[in-house]
Amino acid sequence: MQLAEQVQTGFTGLLDHPFRTFLTMLGIIFGVGAVIAMVSIGAGAEREALEELKKFGDSSIRVSSVEIQGERLAEALKKQARGLRMTDVACLASACPFIDLAVAEKIDEYSFYSLNSEPLAKIIGVGPGFLQASRFETERGRFFSDEEQQSAALVTVLGAGVASEVFGLVEPVGQVIQIERIRLRVIGVMKPQGSGSGKLAIKRRDHDRDVYIPVKTSLQRLERWPVEDKDLYHEINSIWIEVKEGYDLLAARDRVATILKRRHSDVDDFEIQVPLEILQQSQKTQNLFNLVMALIAGISLLVGGIGIMNIMLASVNERTREIGVRRALGASKRDIVVQFLVEASLISILGGLIGIFAGIGISWLIALYTGWTTAIPISSVLIAFLVSISVGIIFGSFPAAKASALDPVKALRYE
């Protein structure tokens, strides 16, 4: 019997019992669907983490202030610790030969006024080199010059979201906004950055809502609260550090931590994050998650394979007389084996195809209802499909061998 005829016969046999065939496929469907959905979540998370790492850079270190209050604040003041300060930036830049760039960032939250609008935005004072450290870019106009940084100039650069909300179709560059009692001229607008999803557990915000000013402008021109206020324990909020190429990033982090601890009298009022290290930790966690999900999917495929074996064994018993007739008409043992393997393979192929669409659908639903980024590598689809076919062949082999081993005479007499 030709293979095409065997396939047609196999389809006919499966369609004779459609509900039983579908139930047999369920294990394969769930297994393949689980594999694809699991891989899509993992691939999406990895892609998003890599994109986030690109924004921070693979040679960057971020020092962030940690709020302290109550007894901890009182103890820190007794030790004459004063949180993150501009002097920390200067000290790190001069004491660490591996530092290519150290940039201060000061964050305040104010309402500002322009064109009869009063949006609330984060006012970000940034030091020289901010664009290089942050990897942000301007879309219109320009960023602050070194002279404007040094002179605490009354200039500002708007985030894309704030610019759109306040000025609409009006060109922002050249306009004037007012923060507290100072008026600032808009000299540029940033490219849209997005708020980020925080897949690397790095503190982020919606940068499109930021209003940038020179850090000296922030420190010298904006209204200051009493020194005793806990919000002013830190003069600045963070330091962006770029490490020179060729230096060990983790060793650089440890050196920065040592210097800052000494300067802060061993008060834990700051934290250091290395995006590359966080990415590596995230990937380890993701790999463990992938392994667990692969085991779950493997169990589903195993159950599906056992289901195929059970149904095929039942089919052998039901079709014993048919097998006897075929053998009497000249069919070889090989023909019988191929026939049952074809039927088992058809079950696994159809189950695998349905499972692929189920996995893609689950991935789409996860992205829709959770907001997670998902990605479906073609390789994962092919591997899952090939595994499903292999399951059908492997678990269909025993029933096929049993069918071919039947004695033709006894098979013809079977009732």
Protein backbone atom coordinates (compact mmCIF):
# COMPACT_ATOMS: atom_id res chain seq x y z
CA MET A 1 0.00 0.00 0.00
CA GLN A 2 1.37 3.41 -0.96
CA LEU A 3 2.00 6.01 1.75
CA ALA A 4 -0.69 8.32 0.33
CA GLU A 5 -3.23 5.52 0.59
CA GLN A 6 -2.11 4.76 4.14
CA VAL A 7 -2.52 8.42 5.09
CA GLN A 8 -6.00 8.49 3.56
CA THR A 9 -6.90 5.29 5.38
CA GLY A 10 -5.53 6.75 8.60
CA PHE A 11 -7.67 9.87 8.23
CA THR A 12 -10.72 7.72 7.61
CA GLY A 13 -10.01 5.71 10.76
CA LEU A 14 -9.63 8.84 12.85
CA LEU A 15 -12.77 10.44 11.45
CA ASP A 16 -14.76 7.33 12.33
CA HIS A 17 -14.28 8.32 15.99
CA PRO A 18 -13.87 12.12 15.93
CA PHE A 19 -14.57 12.77 19.62
CA ARG A 20 -12.20 10.04 20.76
CA THR A 21 -9.56 11.37 18.37
CA PHE A 22 -9.94 14.91 19.75
CA LEU A 23 -9.65 13.73 23.35
CA THR A 24 -6.49 11.86 22.37
CA MET A 25 -5.06 15.05 20.89
CA LEU A 26 -5.67 17.16 24.01
CA GLY A 27 -2.42 16.20 25.71
CA ILE A 28 -0.45 17.14 22.59
CA ILE A 29 -2.43 20.37 22.18
CA PHE A 30 -1.82 21.43 25.78
CA GLY A 31 1.84 20.45 25.65
CA VAL A 32 2.65 22.30 22.43
CA GLY A 33 0.53 25.30 23.43
CA ALA A 34 2.27 25.49 26.82
CA VAL A 35 5.72 25.32 25.21
CA ILE A 36 4.96 28.14 22.77
CA ALA A 37 3.26 30.34 25.39
CA MET A 38 6.12 29.78 27.85
CA VAL A 39 8.80 30.58 25.29
CA SER A 40 6.91 33.66 24.10
CA ILE A 41 6.79 35.07 27.64
CA GLY A 42 10.48 34.34 28.20
CA ALA A 43 11.55 35.74 24.83
CA GLY A 44 9.42 38.84 25.33
CA ALA A 45 10.85 39.48 28.79
CA GLU A 46 14.39 39.02 27.52
CA ARG A 47 13.82 41.34 24.57
CA GLU A 48 12.34 44.02 26.83
CA ALA A 49 15.18 43.64 29.34
CA LEU A 50 17.75 44.02 26.58
CA GLU A 51 15.99 47.12 25.28
CA GLU A 52 15.99 48.57 28.77
CA LEU A 53 19.67 47.72 29.19
CA LYS A 54 20.41 49.62 25.98
CA LYS A 55 18.78 52.70 27.49
CA PHE A 56 20.99 52.49 30.57
CA GLY A 57 24.10 51.13 28.84
CA ASP A 58 26.15 48.03 29.56
CA SER A 59 28.92 50.11 31.16
CA SER A 60 26.82 52.23 33.49
CA ILE A 61 26.37 52.44 37.23
CA ARG A 62 23.48 54.23 38.91
CA VAL A 63 23.79 55.62 42.45
CA SER A 64 20.40 56.54 43.91
CA SER A 65 19.48 58.25 47.15
CA VAL A 66 17.62 56.31 49.83
CA GLU A 67 15.18 58.20 52.00
CA ILE A 68 15.88 57.93 55.72
CA GLN A 69 13.78 59.37 58.53
CA GLY A 70 13.08 59.17 62.23
CA GLU A 71 15.86 57.77 64.36
CA ARG A 72 17.94 56.87 61.32
CA LEU A 73 17.83 60.48 60.12
CA ALA A 74 18.74 61.79 63.56
CA GLU A 75 21.64 59.35 63.80
CA ALA A 76 22.85 60.33 60.33
CA LEU A 77 22.79 64.03 61.23
CA LYS A 78 24.79 63.28 64.39
CA LYS A 79 27.45 61.67 62.18
CA GLN A 80 27.32 64.79 60.01
CA ALA A 81 26.21 62.71 57.03
CA ARG A 82 24.34 64.80 54.49
CA GLY A 83 23.21 62.32 51.83
CA LEU A 84 24.13 62.48 48.16
CA ARG A 85 25.69 65.81 47.27
CA MET A 86 27.41 67.56 44.41
CA THR A 87 30.71 67.09 46.25
CA ASP A 88 30.21 63.31 45.95
CA VAL A 89 30.08 63.68 42.17
CA ALA A 90 33.29 65.72 42.10
CA CYS A 91 35.03 63.31 44.48
CA LEU A 92 34.13 60.21 42.44
CA ALA A 93 35.20 61.87 39.20
CA SER A 94 38.62 62.80 40.63
CA ALA A 95 39.29 59.72 42.76
CA CYS A 96 38.26 56.99 40.31
CA PRO A 97 40.36 56.74 37.14
CA PHE A 98 37.91 54.21 35.71
CA ILE A 99 35.06 56.76 35.64
CA ASP A 100 34.55 58.30 32.23
CA LEU A 101 31.59 60.41 33.30
CA ALA A 102 29.76 61.23 36.56
CA VAL A 103 26.54 63.21 36.21
CA ALA A 104 24.38 64.60 39.01
CA GLU A 105 20.58 64.48 38.86
CA LYS A 106 18.27 66.53 41.11
CA ILE A 107 14.53 65.84 41.02
CA ASP A 108 11.84 68.27 42.22
CA GLU A 109 8.11 68.23 41.64
CA TYR A 110 6.49 71.54 40.79
CA SER A 111 3.65 72.97 38.78
CA PHE A 112 4.81 75.26 36.04
CA TYR A 113 2.96 77.85 34.03
CA SER A 114 2.79 78.46 30.30
CA LEU A 115 0.06 79.31 27.76
CA ASN A 116 -2.59 79.27 30.51
CA SER A 117 -1.61 75.70 31.39
CA GLU A 118 -0.49 74.49 34.81
CA PRO A 119 0.67 70.86 34.52
CA LEU A 120 2.45 69.05 37.33
CA ALA A 121 5.81 67.76 36.18
CA LYS A 122 9.09 66.57 37.57
CA ILE A 123 11.74 69.26 37.30
CA ILE A 124 15.03 67.48 36.66
CA GLY A 125 18.27 69.30 37.31
CA VAL A 126 21.03 67.54 35.37
CA GLY A 127 24.77 68.07 35.19
CA PRO A 128 27.10 68.23 32.20
CA GLY A 129 27.24 65.01 30.17
CA PHE A 130 23.66 63.99 30.92
CA LEU A 131 22.81 63.13 27.31
CA GLN A 132 25.83 60.86 27.02
CA ALA A 133 25.13 59.13 30.34
CA SER A 134 21.39 58.71 29.80
CA ARG A 135 21.58 57.98 26.06
CA PHE A 136 18.63 60.30 25.54
CA GLU A 137 18.40 62.54 22.50
CA THR A 138 16.78 65.85 21.65
CA GLU A 139 14.15 65.91 18.92
CA ARG A 140 14.03 69.67 18.42
CA GLY A 141 16.32 72.44 19.48
CA ARG A 142 19.34 71.55 21.61
CA PHE A 143 20.45 70.60 25.11
CA PHE A 144 22.35 72.77 27.60
CA SER A 145 25.82 74.02 26.75
CA ASP A 146 28.70 73.88 29.25
CA GLU A 147 28.45 77.63 29.69
CA GLU A 148 24.75 77.42 30.55
CA GLN A 149 25.54 74.65 33.03
CA GLN A 150 28.22 76.67 34.78
CA SER A 151 26.26 79.93 34.88
CA ALA A 152 22.99 78.39 36.16
CA ALA A 153 21.24 79.75 33.07
CA LEU A 154 17.46 80.13 33.03
CA VAL A 155 16.88 77.65 30.21
CA THR A 156 14.94 74.40 29.99
CA VAL A 157 14.43 71.36 27.77
CA LEU A 158 11.01 69.70 27.83
CA GLY A 159 10.09 66.02 27.71
CA ALA A 160 8.04 65.05 24.67
CA GLY A 161 4.83 64.45 26.66
CA VAL A 162 4.95 67.74 28.55
CA ALA A 163 5.76 69.67 25.38
CA SER A 164 2.80 68.12 23.56
CA GLU A 165 0.40 68.69 26.46
CA VAL A 166 1.32 72.32 27.09
CA PHE A 167 2.06 73.66 23.63
CA GLY A 168 0.09 71.36 21.32
CA LEU A 169 0.74 72.47 17.75
CA VAL A 170 2.67 75.57 18.88
CA GLU A 171 6.44 75.27 18.49
CA PRO A 172 7.81 74.97 22.09
CA VAL A 173 11.38 76.07 21.30
CA GLY A 174 11.67 79.76 22.09
CA GLN A 175 8.64 79.82 24.41
CA VAL A 176 8.85 80.72 28.10
CA ILE A 177 7.63 78.73 31.09
CA GLN A 178 7.55 79.74 34.76
CA ILE A 179 8.49 77.51 37.68
CA GLU A 180 7.84 79.05 41.09
CA ARG A 181 9.12 82.62 40.63
CA ILE A 182 11.62 82.04 37.83
CA ARG A 183 11.01 82.17 34.11
CA LEU A 184 12.89 79.83 31.80
CA ARG A 185 13.30 79.85 28.04
CA VAL A 186 12.64 76.55 26.24
CA ILE A 187 15.66 75.67 24.10
CA GLY A 188 14.81 72.08 23.18
CA VAL A 189 12.40 69.13 23.25
CA MET A 190 13.46 65.54 23.97
CA LYS A 191 12.66 62.55 21.81
CA PRO A 192 9.87 60.37 23.28
CA GLN A 193 11.37 57.91 25.79
CA GLY A 194 8.41 56.08 27.26
CA SER A 195 7.94 55.23 30.91
CA GLY A 196 9.64 51.83 30.71
CA SER A 197 8.34 48.63 32.24
CA GLY A 198 11.02 48.17 34.85
CA LYS A 199 11.86 44.61 33.77
CA LEU A 200 15.35 45.10 35.21
CA ALA A 201 14.01 46.29 38.56
CA ILE A 202 15.67 49.67 38.00
CA LYS A 203 13.93 52.72 39.37
CA ARG A 204 12.42 54.55 36.44
CA ARG A 205 9.76 57.13 35.74
CA ASP A 206 7.89 58.52 32.77
CA HIS A 207 10.74 60.56 31.24
CA ASP A 208 8.34 62.15 28.76
CA ARG A 209 6.86 64.07 31.73
CA ASP A 210 10.24 65.51 32.75
CA VAL A 211 11.30 69.14 32.48
CA TYR A 212 15.10 69.44 32.39
CA ILE A 213 17.11 72.36 33.72
CA PRO A 214 20.83 72.73 34.53
CA VAL A 215 21.58 71.22 37.95
CA LYS A 216 23.06 74.51 39.22
CA THR A 217 19.86 76.28 38.20
CA SER A 218 17.91 73.76 40.26
CA LEU A 219 20.18 74.13 43.30
CA GLN A 220 20.59 77.91 43.22
CA ARG A 221 17.41 79.34 41.69
CA LEU A 222 14.46 77.22 42.83
CA GLU A 223 12.84 77.85 46.20
CA ARG A 224 14.48 75.80 48.97
CA TRP A 225 12.83 74.41 52.05
CA PRO A 226 14.37 74.56 55.58
CA VAL A 227 17.54 72.49 55.91
CA GLU A 228 15.92 70.38 58.63
CA ASP A 229 13.36 69.04 56.17
CA LYS A 230 14.06 65.37 55.52
CA ASP A 231 13.55 65.94 51.78
CA LEU A 232 16.69 68.07 51.77
CA TYR A 233 18.86 65.52 53.51
CA HIS A 234 19.93 64.65 49.97
CA GLU A 235 21.14 67.57 47.88
CA ILE A 236 20.79 65.50 44.72
CA ASN A 237 18.79 62.36 43.96
CA SER A 238 21.17 60.27 41.89
CA ILE A 239 24.49 60.04 40.12
CA TRP A 240 24.82 58.55 36.63
CA ILE A 241 28.26 56.96 36.19
CA GLU A 242 29.82 55.76 32.95
CA VAL A 243 32.76 53.35 33.33
CA LYS A 244 35.60 53.47 30.82
CA GLU A 245 35.95 50.57 28.41
CA GLY A 246 38.18 47.79 29.66
CA TYR A 247 37.42 48.21 33.36
CA ASP A 248 35.57 45.57 35.39
CA LEU A 249 32.09 46.92 36.07
CA LEU A 250 31.52 45.08 39.37
CA ALA A 251 34.94 46.07 40.71
CA ALA A 252 34.13 49.67 39.77
CA ARG A 253 30.81 49.40 41.62
CA ASP A 254 32.57 48.13 44.76
CA ARG A 255 35.08 50.98 44.62
CA VAL A 256 32.31 53.57 44.24
CA ALA A 257 30.46 52.03 47.21
CA THR A 258 33.60 52.13 49.37
CA ILE A 259 34.24 55.81 48.64
CA LEU A 260 30.63 56.84 49.25
CA LYS A 261 30.35 54.85 52.49
CA ARG A 262 33.43 56.57 53.83
CA ARG A 263 32.13 59.99 52.81
CA HIS A 264 28.69 59.24 54.30
CA SER A 265 30.07 57.97 57.64
CA ASP A 266 28.79 54.43 56.91
CA VAL A 267 25.18 55.63 56.72
CA ASP A 268 23.17 53.50 54.28
CA ASP A 269 21.51 56.46 52.56
CA PHE A 270 22.24 55.38 48.98
CA GLU A 271 22.00 52.31 46.77
CA ILE A 272 23.98 51.28 43.73
CA GLN A 273 22.51 49.53 40.73
CA VAL A 274 24.42 47.98 37.84
CA PRO A 275 21.99 47.35 34.96
CA LEU A 276 24.23 44.68 33.40
CA GLU A 277 24.38 42.72 36.66
CA ILE A 278 20.62 43.03 37.12
CA LEU A 279 20.13 41.76 33.57
CA GLN A 280 22.29 38.71 34.30
CA GLN A 281 20.32 37.98 37.46
CA SER A 282 17.08 38.46 35.54
CA GLN A 283 18.24 36.01 32.88
CA LYS A 284 19.08 33.40 35.53
CA THR A 285 15.61 33.75 37.00
CA GLN A 286 14.09 33.59 33.51
CA ASN A 287 16.07 30.45 32.69
CA LEU A 288 14.77 28.79 35.87
CA PHE A 289 11.24 29.82 34.95
CA ASN A 290 11.73 28.43 31.43
CA LEU A 291 12.99 25.14 32.86
CA VAL A 292 9.97 24.76 35.15
CA MET A 293 7.59 25.59 32.33
CA ALA A 294 9.40 23.19 30.00
CA LEU A 295 8.96 20.41 32.56
CA ILE A 296 5.25 21.20 32.84
CA ALA A 297 4.92 21.20 29.06
CA GLY A 298 6.91 17.96 28.89
CA ILE A 299 4.51 16.32 31.33
CA SER A 300 1.60 17.42 29.13
CA LEU A 301 3.30 15.87 26.08
CA LEU A 302 4.03 12.70 28.04
CA VAL A 303 0.38 12.45 29.04
CA GLY A 304 -0.54 13.07 25.41
CA GLY A 305 1.82 10.30 24.31
CA ILE A 306 0.32 7.86 26.82
CA GLY A 307 -3.12 8.81 25.55
CA ILE A 308 -2.05 8.05 21.98
CA MET A 309 -0.65 4.67 23.06
CA ASN A 310 -3.86 3.75 24.90
CA ILE A 311 -6.10 4.69 21.99
CA MET A 312 -3.91 2.89 19.48
CA LEU A 313 -3.88 -0.25 21.63
CA ALA A 314 -7.67 -0.07 21.80
CA SER A 315 -7.72 0.41 18.03
CA VAL A 316 -5.57 -2.71 17.55
CA ASN A 317 -8.08 -4.77 19.56
CA GLU A 318 -11.03 -3.32 17.64
CA ARG A 319 -9.43 -3.97 14.26
CA THR A 320 -7.96 -7.40 14.91
CA ARG A 321 -10.09 -9.05 12.22
CA GLU A 322 -9.22 -6.23 9.79
CA ILE A 323 -5.52 -6.85 10.45
CA GLY A 324 -6.06 -10.59 9.85
CA VAL A 325 -7.83 -9.91 6.53
CA ARG A 326 -5.07 -7.57 5.36
CA ARG A 327 -2.39 -10.08 6.26
CA ALA A 328 -4.34 -12.82 4.44
CA LEU A 329 -4.51 -10.62 1.33
CA GLY A 330 -0.75 -10.22 1.30
CA ALA A 331 0.03 -7.23 3.55
CA SER A 332 3.41 -7.54 5.23
CA LYS A 333 4.22 -6.86 8.87
CA ARG A 334 5.92 -3.69 7.70
CA ASP A 335 2.66 -2.51 6.07
CA ILE A 336 0.79 -3.01 9.35
CA VAL A 337 3.48 -1.17 11.35
CA VAL A 338 3.46 1.76 8.92
CA GLN A 339 -0.32 1.94 8.94
CA PHE A 340 -0.57 2.30 12.72
CA LEU A 341 2.43 4.64 12.89
CA VAL A 342 0.76 6.83 10.26
CA GLU A 343 -2.41 7.02 12.36
CA ALA A 344 -0.45 7.84 15.54
CA SER A 345 1.56 10.46 13.65
CA LEU A 346 -1.58 12.03 12.21
CA ILE A 347 -2.98 12.42 15.72
CA SER A 348 0.21 14.09 16.93
CA ILE A 349 0.53 16.27 13.80
CA LEU A 350 -3.04 17.53 14.05
CA GLY A 351 -2.65 18.02 17.80
CA GLY A 352 0.62 19.86 17.22
CA LEU A 353 -0.94 22.21 14.65
CA ILE A 354 -3.87 22.99 16.91
CA GLY A 355 -1.42 23.44 19.81
CA ILE A 356 0.61 25.96 17.79
CA PHE A 357 -2.45 28.12 17.19
CA ALA A 358 -3.49 27.67 20.84
CA GLY A 359 -0.03 28.75 22.02
CA ILE A 360 -0.06 31.82 19.76
CA GLY A 361 -3.54 32.67 21.02
CA ILE A 362 -2.51 32.27 24.68
CA SER A 363 0.55 34.45 24.04
CA TRP A 364 -1.64 37.13 22.46
CA LEU A 365 -4.13 37.01 25.36
CA ILE A 366 -1.32 37.29 27.93
CA ALA A 367 0.04 40.36 26.14
CA LEU A 368 -3.45 41.86 25.86
CA TYR A 369 -4.61 41.40 29.46
CA THR A 370 -1.35 41.72 31.41
CA GLY A 371 0.55 44.25 29.30
CA TRP A 372 3.57 41.95 29.16
CA THR A 373 5.70 41.93 26.06
CA THR A 374 5.63 38.55 24.31
CA ALA A 375 7.59 37.29 21.32
CA ILE A 376 7.24 33.97 19.50
CA PRO A 377 10.52 32.70 18.01
CA ILE A 378 9.97 30.59 14.89
CA SER A 379 12.50 28.09 16.27
CA SER A 380 10.29 27.40 19.31
CA VAL A 381 7.29 26.69 17.06
CA LEU A 382 9.30 24.29 14.90
CA ILE A 383 10.84 22.51 17.90
CA ALA A 384 7.47 22.11 19.63
CA PHE A 385 5.93 20.76 16.42
CA LEU A 386 8.77 18.30 15.81
CA VAL A 387 8.59 17.10 19.41
CA SER A 388 4.85 16.49 19.05
CA ILE A 389 5.47 14.37 15.92
CA SER A 390 8.20 12.46 17.75
CA VAL A 391 5.81 11.76 20.63
CA GLY A 392 3.30 10.28 18.19
CA ILE A 393 5.92 8.05 16.54
CA ILE A 394 7.50 6.91 19.83
CA PHE A 395 4.26 6.13 21.65
CA GLY A 396 2.65 4.70 18.54
CA SER A 397 5.51 2.26 17.99
CA PHE A 398 4.41 -0.29 20.62
CA PRO A 399 0.79 -0.58 19.39
CA ALA A 400 2.09 -0.80 15.80
CA ALA A 401 4.52 -3.57 16.75
CA LYS A 402 1.78 -5.42 18.62
CA ALA A 403 -0.53 -5.19 15.60
CA SER A 404 2.13 -6.51 13.22
CA ALA A 405 2.91 -9.42 15.54
CA LEU A 406 -0.66 -10.79 15.47
CA ASP A 407 -1.05 -14.25 14.01
CA PRO A 408 -3.14 -13.88 10.82
CA VAL A 409 -5.15 -17.07 11.45
CA LYS A 410 -6.00 -16.16 15.05
CA ALA A 411 -6.78 -12.62 13.96
CA LEU A 412 -9.29 -13.86 11.38
CA ARG A 413 -11.03 -15.95 14.06
CA TYR A 414 -11.14 -13.06 16.54
CA GLU A 415 -14.66 -12.00 17.54
